[in-house]
N, C-alpha and C. Protein backbone atom coordinates (compact mmCIF):
# COMPACT_ATOMS: atom_id res chain seq x y z
N ASP A 1 97.95 -126.17 -10.47
CA ASP A 1 97.90 -127.19 -9.44
C ASP A 1 99.18 -128.02 -9.52
N PRO A 2 100.00 -128.01 -8.47
CA PRO A 2 101.27 -128.76 -8.48
C PRO A 2 101.11 -130.26 -8.71
N ALA A 3 99.96 -130.81 -8.37
CA ALA A 3 99.75 -132.25 -8.57
C ALA A 3 99.72 -132.63 -10.04
N HIS A 4 99.56 -131.66 -10.91
CA HIS A 4 99.49 -131.93 -12.35
C HIS A 4 100.75 -131.50 -13.09
N LYS A 5 101.78 -131.10 -12.34
CA LYS A 5 103.02 -130.65 -12.97
C LYS A 5 104.12 -131.68 -12.74
N LEU A 6 105.05 -131.70 -13.65
CA LEU A 6 106.21 -132.57 -13.55
C LEU A 6 107.07 -132.13 -12.36
N THR A 7 107.64 -133.08 -11.66
CA THR A 7 108.46 -132.77 -10.50
C THR A 7 109.70 -131.94 -10.87
N THR A 8 110.10 -131.09 -9.95
CA THR A 8 111.37 -130.36 -10.10
C THR A 8 112.39 -130.88 -9.09
N THR A 9 112.00 -131.85 -8.28
CA THR A 9 112.90 -132.42 -7.29
C THR A 9 114.11 -133.05 -7.98
N ALA A 10 115.29 -132.70 -7.53
CA ALA A 10 116.57 -133.20 -8.04
C ALA A 10 116.92 -132.67 -9.43
N ARG A 11 116.17 -131.69 -9.91
CA ARG A 11 116.49 -131.09 -11.22
C ARG A 11 117.89 -130.45 -11.13
N PRO A 12 118.76 -130.68 -12.12
CA PRO A 12 120.10 -130.08 -12.08
C PRO A 12 120.04 -128.55 -11.97
N LYS A 13 121.01 -128.01 -11.24
CA LYS A 13 121.03 -126.55 -11.00
C LYS A 13 121.11 -125.76 -12.29
N GLU A 14 121.77 -126.30 -13.31
CA GLU A 14 121.86 -125.61 -14.59
C GLU A 14 120.48 -125.39 -15.21
N VAL A 15 119.61 -126.37 -15.06
CA VAL A 15 118.26 -126.27 -15.61
C VAL A 15 117.46 -125.23 -14.84
N LYS A 16 117.57 -125.29 -13.52
CA LYS A 16 116.86 -124.31 -12.67
C LYS A 16 117.28 -122.89 -13.03
N HIS A 17 118.58 -122.66 -13.16
CA HIS A 17 119.07 -121.31 -13.49
C HIS A 17 118.59 -120.86 -14.86
N TRP A 18 118.58 -121.76 -15.83
CA TRP A 18 118.14 -121.42 -17.18
C TRP A 18 116.66 -121.03 -17.18
N ILE A 19 115.85 -121.78 -16.45
CA ILE A 19 114.42 -121.47 -16.37
C ILE A 19 114.22 -120.12 -15.68
N GLN A 20 114.97 -119.87 -14.62
CA GLN A 20 114.85 -118.59 -13.90
C GLN A 20 115.24 -117.41 -14.79
N ARG A 21 116.05 -117.67 -15.79
CA ARG A 21 116.48 -116.61 -16.71
C ARG A 21 115.66 -116.63 -18.00
N HIS A 22 114.43 -117.12 -17.88
CA HIS A 22 113.41 -117.05 -18.94
C HIS A 22 113.67 -117.94 -20.15
N CYS A 23 114.36 -119.04 -19.97
CA CYS A 23 114.48 -120.08 -21.02
C CYS A 23 114.93 -119.52 -22.37
N ILE A 24 116.04 -118.87 -22.40
CA ILE A 24 116.55 -118.32 -23.66
C ILE A 24 117.28 -119.46 -24.39
N TYR A 25 116.65 -119.96 -25.44
CA TYR A 25 117.18 -121.13 -26.15
C TYR A 25 118.53 -120.87 -26.80
N GLU A 26 118.79 -119.64 -27.17
CA GLU A 26 120.07 -119.31 -27.80
C GLU A 26 121.21 -119.26 -26.78
N LYS A 27 120.87 -119.38 -25.50
CA LYS A 27 121.88 -119.32 -24.44
C LYS A 27 121.76 -120.55 -23.53
N PRO A 28 122.16 -121.72 -24.02
CA PRO A 28 122.09 -122.90 -23.17
C PRO A 28 123.07 -122.77 -22.00
N ARG A 29 122.75 -123.41 -20.90
CA ARG A 29 123.62 -123.38 -19.73
C ARG A 29 124.89 -124.18 -20.02
N ILE A 30 125.98 -123.71 -19.47
CA ILE A 30 127.24 -124.44 -19.56
C ILE A 30 127.26 -125.44 -18.41
N ILE A 31 127.50 -126.69 -18.73
CA ILE A 31 127.57 -127.74 -17.72
C ILE A 31 129.00 -127.77 -17.19
N GLU A 32 129.13 -127.51 -15.90
CA GLU A 32 130.46 -127.46 -15.29
C GLU A 32 131.05 -128.85 -15.07
N ASP A 33 130.22 -129.80 -14.67
CA ASP A 33 130.69 -131.15 -14.36
C ASP A 33 129.73 -132.13 -15.03
N LEU A 34 130.15 -132.74 -16.12
CA LEU A 34 129.27 -133.64 -16.89
C LEU A 34 128.81 -134.85 -16.08
N GLU A 35 129.68 -135.38 -15.23
CA GLU A 35 129.30 -136.54 -14.42
C GLU A 35 128.22 -136.16 -13.41
N GLU A 36 128.42 -135.04 -12.73
CA GLU A 36 127.42 -134.57 -11.76
C GLU A 36 126.10 -134.24 -12.45
N TYR A 37 126.19 -133.60 -13.60
CA TYR A 37 124.99 -133.25 -14.36
C TYR A 37 124.24 -134.52 -14.77
N GLY A 38 124.97 -135.51 -15.25
CA GLY A 38 124.34 -136.77 -15.65
C GLY A 38 123.64 -137.45 -14.49
N ASP A 39 124.31 -137.47 -13.33
CA ASP A 39 123.68 -138.05 -12.14
C ASP A 39 122.40 -137.30 -11.80
N GLY A 40 122.46 -135.97 -11.89
CA GLY A 40 121.28 -135.15 -11.60
C GLY A 40 120.16 -135.39 -12.59
N MET A 41 120.50 -135.52 -13.87
CA MET A 41 119.48 -135.77 -14.89
C MET A 41 118.78 -137.11 -14.64
N ARG A 42 119.56 -138.15 -14.37
CA ARG A 42 118.96 -139.46 -14.12
C ARG A 42 118.09 -139.43 -12.86
N THR A 43 118.56 -138.77 -11.82
CA THR A 43 117.78 -138.69 -10.58
C THR A 43 116.48 -137.92 -10.81
N TRP A 44 116.56 -136.81 -11.55
CA TRP A 44 115.37 -136.01 -11.85
C TRP A 44 114.36 -136.84 -12.66
N ILE A 45 114.84 -137.54 -13.67
CA ILE A 45 113.96 -138.34 -14.51
C ILE A 45 113.37 -139.51 -13.72
N MET A 46 114.19 -140.15 -12.87
CA MET A 46 113.66 -141.24 -12.05
C MET A 46 112.53 -140.73 -11.16
N GLY A 47 112.68 -139.52 -10.63
CA GLY A 47 111.64 -138.94 -9.78
C GLY A 47 110.38 -138.60 -10.54
N ALA A 48 110.50 -138.39 -11.85
CA ALA A 48 109.33 -138.07 -12.68
C ALA A 48 108.61 -139.32 -13.17
N MET A 49 109.24 -140.46 -12.99
CA MET A 49 108.66 -141.72 -13.47
C MET A 49 107.87 -142.41 -12.37
N PRO A 50 106.95 -143.29 -12.77
CA PRO A 50 106.17 -144.04 -11.78
C PRO A 50 107.09 -144.88 -10.89
N ASP A 51 106.68 -145.07 -9.65
CA ASP A 51 107.50 -145.81 -8.69
C ASP A 51 107.79 -147.24 -9.14
N TRP A 52 106.88 -147.85 -9.91
CA TRP A 52 107.09 -149.24 -10.34
C TRP A 52 108.28 -149.38 -11.28
N ARG A 53 108.79 -148.29 -11.80
CA ARG A 53 109.95 -148.36 -12.71
C ARG A 53 111.27 -148.38 -11.95
N ARG A 54 111.25 -148.07 -10.67
CA ARG A 54 112.50 -148.02 -9.88
C ARG A 54 113.07 -149.42 -9.66
N THR A 55 114.39 -149.47 -9.62
CA THR A 55 115.09 -150.73 -9.38
C THR A 55 116.06 -150.54 -8.23
N THR A 56 116.61 -151.62 -7.74
CA THR A 56 117.58 -151.54 -6.65
C THR A 56 118.90 -150.94 -7.11
N ILE A 57 119.17 -150.99 -8.41
CA ILE A 57 120.43 -150.44 -8.92
C ILE A 57 120.29 -149.00 -9.41
N GLY A 58 119.09 -148.48 -9.43
CA GLY A 58 118.88 -147.10 -9.87
C GLY A 58 118.64 -146.99 -11.36
N TRP A 59 119.71 -147.06 -12.13
CA TRP A 59 119.60 -146.93 -13.58
C TRP A 59 120.21 -148.16 -14.22
N PRO A 60 119.65 -148.73 -15.23
CA PRO A 60 118.46 -148.32 -15.97
C PRO A 60 117.18 -148.63 -15.20
N LEU A 61 116.12 -147.95 -15.59
CA LEU A 61 114.82 -148.16 -14.97
C LEU A 61 114.18 -149.43 -15.51
N SER A 62 113.28 -149.98 -14.72
CA SER A 62 112.59 -151.21 -15.10
C SER A 62 111.69 -150.99 -16.31
N ARG A 63 111.61 -152.01 -17.14
CA ARG A 63 110.69 -152.00 -18.28
C ARG A 63 109.76 -153.20 -18.24
N VAL A 64 109.59 -153.75 -17.07
CA VAL A 64 108.68 -154.88 -16.89
C VAL A 64 107.26 -154.35 -16.93
N ARG A 65 106.49 -154.87 -17.85
CA ARG A 65 105.10 -154.42 -18.01
C ARG A 65 104.17 -155.28 -17.15
N LEU A 66 103.44 -154.62 -16.29
CA LEU A 66 102.46 -155.29 -15.44
C LEU A 66 101.07 -154.74 -15.77
N PRO A 67 100.03 -155.56 -15.63
CA PRO A 67 98.70 -155.10 -16.03
C PRO A 67 98.17 -153.91 -15.24
N ASP A 68 98.59 -153.75 -14.00
CA ASP A 68 98.04 -152.67 -13.17
C ASP A 68 98.94 -151.44 -13.07
N GLN A 69 99.98 -151.38 -13.89
CA GLN A 69 100.90 -150.25 -13.81
C GLN A 69 100.25 -148.97 -14.34
N SER A 70 100.63 -147.86 -13.74
CA SER A 70 100.08 -146.56 -14.14
C SER A 70 101.21 -145.62 -14.54
N TRP A 71 100.94 -144.80 -15.54
CA TRP A 71 101.88 -143.79 -15.98
C TRP A 71 101.48 -142.40 -15.49
N ALA A 72 100.51 -142.33 -14.59
CA ALA A 72 99.95 -141.03 -14.16
C ALA A 72 101.03 -140.08 -13.64
N LYS A 73 102.01 -140.58 -12.91
CA LYS A 73 103.04 -139.71 -12.35
C LYS A 73 103.86 -139.02 -13.44
N ALA A 74 104.08 -139.71 -14.54
CA ALA A 74 104.88 -139.15 -15.64
C ALA A 74 104.04 -138.34 -16.61
N MET A 75 102.75 -138.60 -16.64
CA MET A 75 101.88 -137.93 -17.62
C MET A 75 101.35 -136.62 -17.04
N ARG A 76 102.29 -135.73 -16.79
CA ARG A 76 101.95 -134.43 -16.22
C ARG A 76 102.43 -133.34 -17.15
N GLY A 77 101.74 -132.24 -17.12
CA GLY A 77 102.06 -131.14 -18.02
C GLY A 77 102.70 -129.98 -17.32
N GLY A 78 102.17 -128.81 -17.60
CA GLY A 78 102.74 -127.59 -17.06
C GLY A 78 103.70 -126.99 -18.05
N PRO A 79 104.10 -125.76 -17.81
CA PRO A 79 104.97 -125.07 -18.75
C PRO A 79 106.37 -125.67 -18.84
N ASN A 80 106.76 -126.44 -17.85
CA ASN A 80 108.11 -127.00 -17.84
C ASN A 80 108.07 -128.52 -17.78
N SER A 81 107.24 -129.12 -18.59
CA SER A 81 107.08 -130.56 -18.57
C SER A 81 108.27 -131.25 -19.24
N PHE A 82 108.03 -132.36 -19.89
CA PHE A 82 109.13 -133.12 -20.50
C PHE A 82 109.88 -132.34 -21.57
N ALA A 83 109.30 -131.28 -22.09
CA ALA A 83 110.03 -130.47 -23.07
C ALA A 83 111.31 -129.92 -22.46
N ILE A 84 111.25 -129.51 -21.21
CA ILE A 84 112.44 -128.99 -20.53
C ILE A 84 113.46 -130.10 -20.33
N ILE A 85 113.00 -131.30 -20.02
CA ILE A 85 113.92 -132.43 -19.87
C ILE A 85 114.63 -132.69 -21.20
N ILE A 86 113.91 -132.61 -22.30
CA ILE A 86 114.52 -132.83 -23.62
C ILE A 86 115.56 -131.76 -23.92
N VAL A 87 115.25 -130.51 -23.61
CA VAL A 87 116.22 -129.42 -23.81
C VAL A 87 117.46 -129.70 -22.95
N ALA A 88 117.25 -130.06 -21.70
CA ALA A 88 118.37 -130.31 -20.78
C ALA A 88 119.23 -131.48 -21.25
N ILE A 89 118.61 -132.50 -21.82
CA ILE A 89 119.38 -133.63 -22.36
C ILE A 89 120.18 -133.18 -23.58
N SER A 90 119.62 -132.29 -24.38
CA SER A 90 120.36 -131.81 -25.56
C SER A 90 121.65 -131.12 -25.15
N TRP A 91 121.62 -130.35 -24.06
CA TRP A 91 122.86 -129.72 -23.58
C TRP A 91 123.88 -130.78 -23.21
N TRP A 92 123.42 -131.82 -22.52
CA TRP A 92 124.27 -132.91 -22.07
C TRP A 92 124.91 -133.60 -23.27
N ILE A 93 124.13 -133.89 -24.29
CA ILE A 93 124.64 -134.56 -25.48
C ILE A 93 125.68 -133.70 -26.19
N VAL A 94 125.33 -132.45 -26.45
CA VAL A 94 126.23 -131.55 -27.20
C VAL A 94 127.51 -131.29 -26.42
N GLN A 95 127.39 -130.97 -25.15
CA GLN A 95 128.58 -130.63 -24.38
C GLN A 95 129.46 -131.85 -24.09
N SER A 96 128.86 -133.03 -24.00
CA SER A 96 129.65 -134.26 -23.86
C SER A 96 130.46 -134.51 -25.12
N ALA A 97 129.82 -134.31 -26.28
CA ALA A 97 130.51 -134.49 -27.55
C ALA A 97 131.63 -133.47 -27.71
N GLU A 98 131.34 -132.22 -27.38
CA GLU A 98 132.36 -131.17 -27.49
C GLU A 98 133.55 -131.44 -26.59
N ALA A 99 133.30 -132.05 -25.43
CA ALA A 99 134.38 -132.36 -24.49
C ALA A 99 135.07 -133.68 -24.84
N GLY A 100 134.52 -134.41 -25.81
CA GLY A 100 135.08 -135.71 -26.16
C GLY A 100 134.89 -136.73 -25.04
N ASN A 101 133.86 -136.54 -24.23
CA ASN A 101 133.61 -137.41 -23.09
C ASN A 101 132.65 -138.53 -23.51
N GLU A 102 133.24 -139.65 -23.92
CA GLU A 102 132.45 -140.76 -24.45
C GLU A 102 131.53 -141.37 -23.39
N ARG A 103 132.01 -141.43 -22.17
CA ARG A 103 131.17 -141.99 -21.09
C ARG A 103 129.90 -141.14 -20.91
N ALA A 104 130.06 -139.83 -20.86
CA ALA A 104 128.90 -138.94 -20.70
C ALA A 104 127.97 -139.05 -21.91
N GLN A 105 128.55 -139.19 -23.10
CA GLN A 105 127.73 -139.36 -24.31
C GLN A 105 126.89 -140.63 -24.22
N ASN A 106 127.51 -141.72 -23.78
CA ASN A 106 126.80 -143.00 -23.65
C ASN A 106 125.71 -142.93 -22.59
N GLU A 107 126.00 -142.24 -21.49
CA GLU A 107 125.00 -142.10 -20.43
C GLU A 107 123.81 -141.26 -20.91
N ALA A 108 124.10 -140.20 -21.63
CA ALA A 108 123.02 -139.37 -22.19
C ALA A 108 122.19 -140.17 -23.18
N ALA A 109 122.86 -140.96 -24.01
CA ALA A 109 122.14 -141.80 -24.98
C ALA A 109 121.25 -142.81 -24.28
N SER A 110 121.70 -143.34 -23.15
CA SER A 110 120.90 -144.28 -22.38
C SER A 110 119.62 -143.62 -21.86
N VAL A 111 119.73 -142.37 -21.43
CA VAL A 111 118.56 -141.63 -20.94
C VAL A 111 117.60 -141.35 -22.10
N VAL A 112 118.14 -140.95 -23.24
CA VAL A 112 117.30 -140.69 -24.41
C VAL A 112 116.55 -141.96 -24.80
N GLU A 113 117.26 -143.07 -24.83
CA GLU A 113 116.65 -144.34 -25.22
C GLU A 113 115.53 -144.72 -24.24
N ASP A 114 115.75 -144.48 -22.95
CA ASP A 114 114.72 -144.79 -21.96
C ASP A 114 113.50 -143.88 -22.14
N LEU A 115 113.73 -142.61 -22.42
CA LEU A 115 112.61 -141.69 -22.62
C LEU A 115 111.80 -142.06 -23.87
N VAL A 116 112.49 -142.49 -24.92
CA VAL A 116 111.76 -142.93 -26.12
C VAL A 116 110.85 -144.10 -25.77
N TRP A 117 111.38 -145.06 -25.02
CA TRP A 117 110.56 -146.19 -24.59
C TRP A 117 109.38 -145.71 -23.74
N SER A 118 109.66 -144.83 -22.79
CA SER A 118 108.61 -144.31 -21.90
C SER A 118 107.52 -143.58 -22.67
N PHE A 119 107.93 -142.71 -23.59
CA PHE A 119 106.94 -141.96 -24.39
C PHE A 119 106.09 -142.91 -25.24
N THR A 120 106.71 -143.96 -25.77
CA THR A 120 105.97 -144.95 -26.55
C THR A 120 104.93 -145.64 -25.68
N GLU A 121 105.33 -146.03 -24.48
CA GLU A 121 104.39 -146.68 -23.56
C GLU A 121 103.25 -145.74 -23.17
N MET A 122 103.59 -144.48 -22.88
CA MET A 122 102.54 -143.51 -22.52
C MET A 122 101.60 -143.28 -23.69
N ASN A 123 102.13 -143.29 -24.90
CA ASN A 123 101.29 -143.13 -26.08
C ASN A 123 100.28 -144.27 -26.20
N TRP A 124 100.72 -145.50 -25.89
CA TRP A 124 99.79 -146.64 -25.93
C TRP A 124 98.68 -146.46 -24.90
N VAL A 125 99.03 -145.94 -23.73
CA VAL A 125 98.02 -145.69 -22.70
C VAL A 125 97.00 -144.67 -23.20
N LEU A 126 97.49 -143.60 -23.79
CA LEU A 126 96.59 -142.56 -24.29
C LEU A 126 95.69 -143.08 -25.41
N ARG A 127 96.24 -143.91 -26.27
CA ARG A 127 95.44 -144.48 -27.36
C ARG A 127 94.33 -145.39 -26.82
N ALA A 128 94.64 -146.09 -25.74
CA ALA A 128 93.67 -147.02 -25.17
C ALA A 128 92.46 -146.30 -24.57
N VAL A 129 92.67 -145.08 -24.10
CA VAL A 129 91.55 -144.34 -23.49
C VAL A 129 90.86 -143.40 -24.47
N ALA A 130 91.44 -143.24 -25.66
CA ALA A 130 90.86 -142.31 -26.65
C ALA A 130 89.68 -142.91 -27.38
């Protein structure tokens, strides 16, 4: 059921191609343009997050906690859930470092930091219902 899967909207083309080629972990995709890839990663992740996290500036996402906020949009599974996002971020981190691109490294670190916060918040939600 697509309603229970993580969005693929705005997913970077490198990720799509890697998945289509059966997710061979020993063969990560080569990122042709780190800036474009980073923009795509942030857009993909923003689309996977609840609408209440969106801001007028785009990134970083909001971390304002409201009592009625829901994480349902992000708490989706499927074979290509957040695990694929983590793999895709690892390519960004490694290839940014290899290229000596400090800006791309910092942007990737910002996304990682936001995901850590998001996963922590989702964990609290799950604990509350358990």
